[in-house]
Structure formats: structure tokens, C-alpha cells
Amino acid sequence: MAAMGEDAGRFFANQMLDAIDYMHSNHTVHRDLKLENILVDVQLNLKIADFGFASAKSIDCLKSYRGTLTYMAPEIKEGKVYKGT
């Protein structure tokens, strides 16, 4: 399998950053962002899927234990209040 290279990596990274910025600008946090929830269409556009744990309320003061354990931030595992942005 060949590596995708830096240009392709930047292409996908920029799409992810734009998508996360868009969600946060609309006061929404995904809370389960992982590789399995990132889809790629035939034109190589990334699509974020599975908003089952998403929150659009009080994203600066979240308390609930949500997400996939192996991808979860330490403050969530510790039961602390956390910012979604």
C-alpha cells in the first residue's frame, strides 16, 4: 500500500478542520469523532457521520460521559466539566 503523501494529508486535514470549525461556529460538538465516523465520497470529500452523542446546548460547560473510551479526553474520563470547543 502506498502512502498518500503530504499534499493529500493536508487536503484531508483542511477538510476536517473546516468541518469542525463549522460545527463549533454553529455551537455544536460531535463528542465521538473517530476514524469510523469519517466517510469519504467519490470526489474525496470528507463527511462526518454519527451525531448520536452531539450536543448543541451549553457546549462550554459539558458534564456528560459521552464518546468512545479510547478516543475520549482525560477530563471526560475523570468526570470533570469540559468545554466542547
Protein backbone atom coordinates (compact mmCIF):
# COMPACT_ATOMS: atom_id res chain seq x y z
CA MET A 1 0.00 0.00 0.00
CA ALA A 2 1.40 3.40 -0.95
CA ALA A 3 1.37 6.36 1.40
CA MET A 4 -0.96 9.20 0.50
CA GLY A 5 1.72 11.90 0.74
CA GLU A 6 1.83 15.31 2.36
CA ASP A 7 -0.38 17.09 -0.18
CA ALA A 8 -3.21 14.58 0.25
CA GLY A 9 -2.76 14.65 4.01
CA ARG A 10 -3.10 18.45 4.02
CA PHE A 11 -6.14 18.20 1.73
CA PHE A 12 -7.96 15.91 4.18
CA ALA A 13 -6.72 17.71 7.31
CA ASN A 14 -8.01 21.04 5.97
CA GLN A 15 -11.42 19.48 5.29
CA MET A 16 -11.57 18.12 8.84
CA LEU A 17 -10.57 21.45 10.36
CA ASP A 18 -13.16 23.26 8.23
CA ALA A 19 -15.87 20.78 9.27
CA ILE A 20 -15.02 21.07 12.98
CA ASP A 21 -14.86 24.87 12.72
CA TYR A 22 -18.29 24.86 11.02
CA MET A 23 -19.80 22.69 13.77
CA HIS A 24 -18.31 24.84 16.54
CA SER A 25 -19.41 28.08 14.86
CA ASN A 26 -22.94 26.64 15.00
CA HIS A 27 -22.49 25.75 18.69
CA THR A 28 -22.45 22.01 18.05
CA VAL A 29 -19.92 19.45 19.26
CA HIS A 30 -19.73 15.91 17.91
CA ARG A 31 -18.32 14.18 21.04
CA ASP A 32 -17.49 10.92 19.22
CA LEU A 33 -15.17 11.98 16.41
CA LYS A 34 -13.11 8.96 15.33
CA LEU A 35 -11.99 7.36 12.08
CA GLU A 36 -15.10 5.18 11.86
CA ASN A 37 -17.25 8.34 11.79
CA ILE A 38 -15.39 9.99 8.91
CA LEU A 39 -16.66 8.99 5.48
CA VAL A 40 -15.15 9.81 2.06
CA ASP A 41 -17.29 10.27 -1.05
CA VAL A 42 -16.27 9.59 -4.66
CA GLN A 43 -14.94 13.16 -5.06
CA LEU A 44 -12.76 12.70 -1.94
CA ASN A 45 -14.91 14.99 0.20
CA LEU A 46 -15.00 14.08 3.87
CA LYS A 47 -18.36 13.61 5.55
CA ILE A 48 -18.73 13.42 9.30
CA ALA A 49 -21.26 10.80 10.41
CA ASP A 50 -22.96 9.57 13.60
CA PHE A 51 -24.07 12.62 15.53
CA GLY A 52 -25.70 10.43 18.19
CA PHE A 53 -23.64 11.98 21.02
CA ALA A 54 -23.61 15.50 19.56
CA SER A 55 -24.61 18.42 21.73
CA ALA A 56 -25.84 21.86 20.81
CA LYS A 57 -26.63 23.04 24.34
CA SER A 58 -24.18 24.73 26.71
CA ILE A 59 -21.13 23.41 24.83
CA ASP A 60 -18.80 25.45 27.06
CA CYS A 61 -19.89 23.56 30.17
CA LEU A 62 -20.41 19.87 29.36
CA LYS A 63 -20.61 17.20 32.05
CA SER A 64 -21.93 14.02 30.45
CA TYR A 65 -19.79 10.96 29.83
CA ARG A 66 -20.11 10.54 26.04
CA GLY A 67 -17.93 9.15 23.27
CA THR A 68 -15.72 6.16 22.62
CA LEU A 69 -13.46 5.38 25.57
CA THR A 70 -10.23 5.02 23.56
CA TYR A 71 -10.75 8.44 21.90
CA MET A 72 -12.07 10.26 24.96
CA ALA A 73 -10.26 13.22 26.51
CA PRO A 74 -8.89 12.64 30.04
CA GLU A 75 -11.16 15.26 31.61
CA ILE A 76 -14.23 13.37 30.40
CA LYS A 77 -12.92 10.09 31.84
CA GLU A 78 -12.25 11.89 35.14
CA GLY A 79 -15.83 13.21 35.30
CA LYS A 80 -14.78 16.86 35.13
CA VAL A 81 -16.73 19.63 33.43
CA TYR A 82 -15.28 20.20 29.95
CA LYS A 83 -15.57 22.60 27.04
CA GLY A 84 -16.84 21.22 23.75
CA THR A 85 -14.84 23.67 21.66
